[in-house]
Amino acid sequence: MNELLDVVAVAVKADYRLELEFENGEVRVFNMAPLLDKKPFSRLKESGSFFGARVDYGTVVWPGNIDIAPETLYDRSVPLEPA
């Protein structure tokens, strides 16, 4: 990826996946499950606050000052398969 793209929308899906819309119009799916055993993300699984994800300042954030870089979200996500 050559440019930094902001996240403009997030929807929490089953199995700890995030459906993300980026400012370029792309919709991609990011699997959070592998990160939920690592700090600080383990708190999201333990407390159930994973489902409180929202967009703030171009990235995904959770209660408790937890966030993840938008470039990580983009680089490690896959395009949403058309329905």
N, C-alpha and C. Protein backbone atom coordinates (compact mmCIF):
# COMPACT_ATOMS: atom_id res chain seq x y z
N MET A 1 0.85 -1.18 0.00
CA MET A 1 0.00 0.00 0.00
C MET A 1 0.89 1.24 0.00
N ASN A 2 0.57 2.19 -0.84
CA ASN A 2 1.38 3.39 -0.96
C ASN A 2 0.87 4.56 -0.13
N GLU A 3 -0.42 4.58 0.14
CA GLU A 3 -0.97 5.70 0.88
C GLU A 3 -1.67 5.22 2.14
N LEU A 4 -1.75 6.09 3.12
CA LEU A 4 -2.44 5.77 4.37
C LEU A 4 -3.92 6.06 4.17
N LEU A 5 -4.73 5.05 4.35
CA LEU A 5 -6.17 5.19 4.17
C LEU A 5 -6.88 5.13 5.51
N ASP A 6 -7.74 6.10 5.75
CA ASP A 6 -8.53 6.11 6.98
C ASP A 6 -9.68 5.13 6.89
N VAL A 7 -10.04 4.57 8.03
CA VAL A 7 -11.25 3.77 8.16
C VAL A 7 -12.40 4.76 8.34
N VAL A 8 -13.50 4.56 7.60
CA VAL A 8 -14.65 5.45 7.73
C VAL A 8 -15.86 4.76 8.37
N ALA A 9 -15.84 3.41 8.39
CA ALA A 9 -16.94 2.67 9.02
C ALA A 9 -16.44 1.30 9.46
N VAL A 10 -17.02 0.81 10.55
CA VAL A 10 -16.68 -0.53 11.04
C VAL A 10 -17.96 -1.23 11.47
N ALA A 11 -18.02 -2.52 11.17
CA ALA A 11 -19.11 -3.37 11.65
C ALA A 11 -18.47 -4.61 12.26
N VAL A 12 -18.87 -4.94 13.49
CA VAL A 12 -18.34 -6.11 14.18
C VAL A 12 -19.12 -7.34 13.70
N LYS A 13 -18.38 -8.36 13.31
CA LYS A 13 -18.98 -9.59 12.80
C LYS A 13 -18.63 -10.76 13.72
N ALA A 14 -19.22 -11.91 13.44
CA ALA A 14 -18.96 -13.12 14.23
C ALA A 14 -17.49 -13.52 14.14
N ASP A 15 -17.05 -14.30 15.08
CA ASP A 15 -15.69 -14.85 15.11
C ASP A 15 -14.61 -13.77 15.15
N TYR A 16 -14.92 -12.67 15.81
CA TYR A 16 -13.95 -11.59 16.01
C TYR A 16 -13.41 -11.02 14.70
N ARG A 17 -14.30 -10.81 13.77
CA ARG A 17 -13.94 -10.18 12.50
C ARG A 17 -14.53 -8.77 12.45
N LEU A 18 -13.80 -7.91 11.77
CA LEU A 18 -14.26 -6.54 11.57
C LEU A 18 -14.47 -6.32 10.08
N GLU A 19 -15.63 -5.81 9.73
CA GLU A 19 -15.88 -5.40 8.34
C GLU A 19 -15.59 -3.90 8.30
N LEU A 20 -14.63 -3.53 7.48
CA LEU A 20 -14.13 -2.16 7.45
C LEU A 20 -14.38 -1.50 6.12
N GLU A 21 -14.81 -0.26 6.15
CA GLU A 21 -14.88 0.53 4.93
C GLU A 21 -13.80 1.61 5.03
N PHE A 22 -12.98 1.68 3.98
CA PHE A 22 -11.90 2.66 3.94
C PHE A 22 -12.32 3.86 3.10
N GLU A 23 -11.60 4.96 3.24
CA GLU A 23 -11.98 6.20 2.58
C GLU A 23 -11.95 6.10 1.06
N ASN A 24 -11.27 5.11 0.51
CA ASN A 24 -11.25 4.93 -0.95
C ASN A 24 -12.44 4.12 -1.44
N GLY A 25 -13.35 3.74 -0.52
CA GLY A 25 -14.55 3.00 -0.87
C GLY A 25 -14.41 1.49 -0.75
N GLU A 26 -13.20 1.00 -0.53
CA GLU A 26 -13.00 -0.44 -0.38
C GLU A 26 -13.62 -0.94 0.91
N VAL A 27 -14.23 -2.11 0.84
CA VAL A 27 -14.74 -2.79 2.03
C VAL A 27 -13.91 -4.06 2.19
N ARG A 28 -13.32 -4.21 3.38
CA ARG A 28 -12.40 -5.31 3.64
C ARG A 28 -12.75 -5.95 4.98
N VAL A 29 -12.30 -7.19 5.17
CA VAL A 29 -12.55 -7.92 6.42
C VAL A 29 -11.22 -8.19 7.11
N PHE A 30 -11.17 -7.84 8.39
CA PHE A 30 -9.98 -8.03 9.21
C PHE A 30 -10.31 -9.03 10.31
N ASN A 31 -9.48 -10.06 10.45
CA ASN A 31 -9.67 -11.07 11.48
C ASN A 31 -8.87 -10.69 12.72
N MET A 32 -9.56 -10.32 13.79
CA MET A 32 -8.90 -9.94 15.04
C MET A 32 -8.52 -11.13 15.90
N ALA A 33 -9.06 -12.31 15.63
CA ALA A 33 -8.86 -13.48 16.51
C ALA A 33 -7.39 -13.74 16.84
N PRO A 34 -6.45 -13.70 15.89
CA PRO A 34 -5.06 -13.98 16.25
C PRO A 34 -4.44 -12.97 17.22
N LEU A 35 -5.01 -11.78 17.29
CA LEU A 35 -4.46 -10.75 18.16
C LEU A 35 -5.04 -10.77 19.57
N LEU A 36 -6.12 -11.50 19.76
CA LEU A 36 -6.84 -11.43 21.04
C LEU A 36 -6.15 -12.16 22.18
N ASP A 37 -5.05 -12.83 21.91
CA ASP A 37 -4.26 -13.44 22.97
C ASP A 37 -3.07 -12.57 23.34
N LYS A 38 -2.96 -11.40 22.72
CA LYS A 38 -1.84 -10.49 22.96
C LYS A 38 -2.34 -9.21 23.61
N LYS A 39 -1.48 -8.60 24.42
CA LYS A 39 -1.82 -7.31 25.02
C LYS A 39 -1.72 -6.24 23.95
N PRO A 40 -2.53 -5.22 23.98
CA PRO A 40 -3.62 -4.96 24.91
C PRO A 40 -4.94 -5.60 24.48
N PHE A 41 -4.93 -6.29 23.34
CA PHE A 41 -6.18 -6.79 22.76
C PHE A 41 -6.83 -7.89 23.58
N SER A 42 -6.06 -8.58 24.43
CA SER A 42 -6.63 -9.65 25.26
C SER A 42 -7.74 -9.10 26.16
N ARG A 43 -7.64 -7.83 26.52
CA ARG A 43 -8.68 -7.22 27.36
C ARG A 43 -10.03 -7.17 26.64
N LEU A 44 -9.99 -7.08 25.30
CA LEU A 44 -11.23 -7.01 24.53
C LEU A 44 -12.00 -8.33 24.62
N LYS A 45 -11.28 -9.42 24.58
CA LYS A 45 -11.91 -10.74 24.65
C LYS A 45 -12.39 -11.02 26.07
N GLU A 46 -11.56 -10.71 27.05
CA GLU A 46 -11.89 -10.98 28.45
C GLU A 46 -13.11 -10.19 28.91
N SER A 47 -13.20 -8.95 28.50
CA SER A 47 -14.28 -8.08 28.99
C SER A 47 -15.51 -8.09 28.09
N GLY A 48 -15.37 -8.65 26.90
CA GLY A 48 -16.49 -8.62 25.96
C GLY A 48 -16.64 -7.28 25.26
N SER A 49 -15.70 -6.37 25.47
CA SER A 49 -15.82 -5.04 24.88
C SER A 49 -15.43 -5.00 23.40
N PHE A 50 -15.01 -6.14 22.84
CA PHE A 50 -14.70 -6.19 21.41
C PHE A 50 -15.85 -5.64 20.59
N PHE A 51 -17.07 -5.93 21.04
CA PHE A 51 -18.25 -5.54 20.29
C PHE A 51 -18.56 -4.05 20.40
N GLY A 52 -17.76 -3.32 21.16
CA GLY A 52 -17.90 -1.87 21.28
C GLY A 52 -17.01 -1.11 20.31
N ALA A 53 -16.50 -1.77 19.29
CA ALA A 53 -15.63 -1.12 18.31
C ALA A 53 -16.34 0.03 17.61
N ARG A 54 -15.59 1.10 17.38
CA ARG A 54 -16.12 2.25 16.65
C ARG A 54 -14.96 2.93 15.93
N VAL A 55 -15.30 3.82 15.01
CA VAL A 55 -14.28 4.57 14.28
C VAL A 55 -14.05 5.91 14.96
N ASP A 56 -12.79 6.26 15.14
CA ASP A 56 -12.42 7.56 15.68
C ASP A 56 -11.08 7.94 15.06
N TYR A 57 -11.00 9.13 14.53
CA TYR A 57 -9.76 9.64 13.93
C TYR A 57 -9.18 8.70 12.88
N GLY A 58 -10.05 8.06 12.10
CA GLY A 58 -9.60 7.28 10.96
C GLY A 58 -9.17 5.87 11.26
N THR A 59 -9.39 5.41 12.50
CA THR A 59 -9.05 4.02 12.82
C THR A 59 -10.10 3.43 13.75
N VAL A 60 -9.94 2.16 14.08
CA VAL A 60 -10.89 1.48 14.96
C VAL A 60 -10.38 1.59 16.39
N VAL A 61 -11.29 1.95 17.29
CA VAL A 61 -10.96 2.09 18.71
C VAL A 61 -11.99 1.34 19.54
N TRP A 62 -11.56 1.01 20.77
CA TRP A 62 -12.42 0.33 21.73
C TRP A 62 -12.34 1.05 23.07
N PRO A 63 -13.30 0.79 23.95
CA PRO A 63 -13.21 1.34 25.30
C PRO A 63 -11.91 0.90 25.96
N GLY A 64 -11.38 1.75 26.82
CA GLY A 64 -10.14 1.44 27.52
C GLY A 64 -8.90 1.90 26.77
N ASN A 65 -9.08 2.84 25.85
CA ASN A 65 -7.97 3.40 25.07
C ASN A 65 -7.21 2.36 24.26
N ILE A 66 -7.95 1.44 23.64
CA ILE A 66 -7.35 0.43 22.78
C ILE A 66 -7.66 0.82 21.33
N ASP A 67 -6.63 0.79 20.50
CA ASP A 67 -6.84 1.05 19.08
C ASP A 67 -5.87 0.21 18.26
N ILE A 68 -6.04 0.27 16.96
CA ILE A 68 -5.17 -0.46 16.05
C ILE A 68 -4.92 0.42 14.84
N ALA A 69 -3.70 0.44 14.36
CA ALA A 69 -3.31 1.34 13.27
C ALA A 69 -4.08 1.03 12.00
N PRO A 70 -4.53 2.07 11.30
CA PRO A 70 -5.29 1.83 10.06
C PRO A 70 -4.46 1.11 9.00
N GLU A 71 -3.15 1.33 8.98
CA GLU A 71 -2.34 0.63 7.97
C GLU A 71 -2.27 -0.87 8.27
N THR A 72 -2.29 -1.23 9.56
CA THR A 72 -2.36 -2.65 9.93
C THR A 72 -3.69 -3.24 9.49
N LEU A 73 -4.75 -2.52 9.74
CA LEU A 73 -6.07 -2.99 9.34
C LEU A 73 -6.15 -3.22 7.84
N TYR A 74 -5.60 -2.30 7.07
CA TYR A 74 -5.66 -2.42 5.62
C TYR A 74 -4.75 -3.56 5.13
N ASP A 75 -3.51 -3.54 5.58
CA ASP A 75 -2.53 -4.49 5.08
C ASP A 75 -2.86 -5.94 5.43
N ARG A 76 -3.50 -6.15 6.56
CA ARG A 76 -3.79 -7.52 7.01
C ARG A 76 -5.24 -7.93 6.80
N SER A 77 -5.98 -7.15 6.05
CA SER A 77 -7.37 -7.50 5.76
C SER A 77 -7.50 -8.01 4.34
N VAL A 78 -8.64 -8.59 4.05
CA VAL A 78 -8.91 -9.10 2.71
C VAL A 78 -10.16 -8.43 2.17
N PRO A 79 -10.21 -8.23 0.85
CA PRO A 79 -11.41 -7.61 0.27
C PRO A 79 -12.65 -8.46 0.57
N LEU A 80 -13.74 -7.78 0.81
CA LEU A 80 -15.00 -8.46 1.08
C LEU A 80 -15.46 -9.15 -0.20
N GLU A 81 -15.82 -10.41 -0.08
CA GLU A 81 -16.33 -11.16 -1.23
C GLU A 81 -17.71 -10.62 -1.60
N PRO A 82 -17.96 -10.40 -2.88
CA PRO A 82 -19.31 -9.93 -3.28
C PRO A 82 -20.37 -10.96 -2.91
N ALA A 83 -21.53 -10.47 -2.54
CA ALA A 83 -22.63 -11.37 -2.13
C ALA A 83 -23.23 -12.10 -3.32
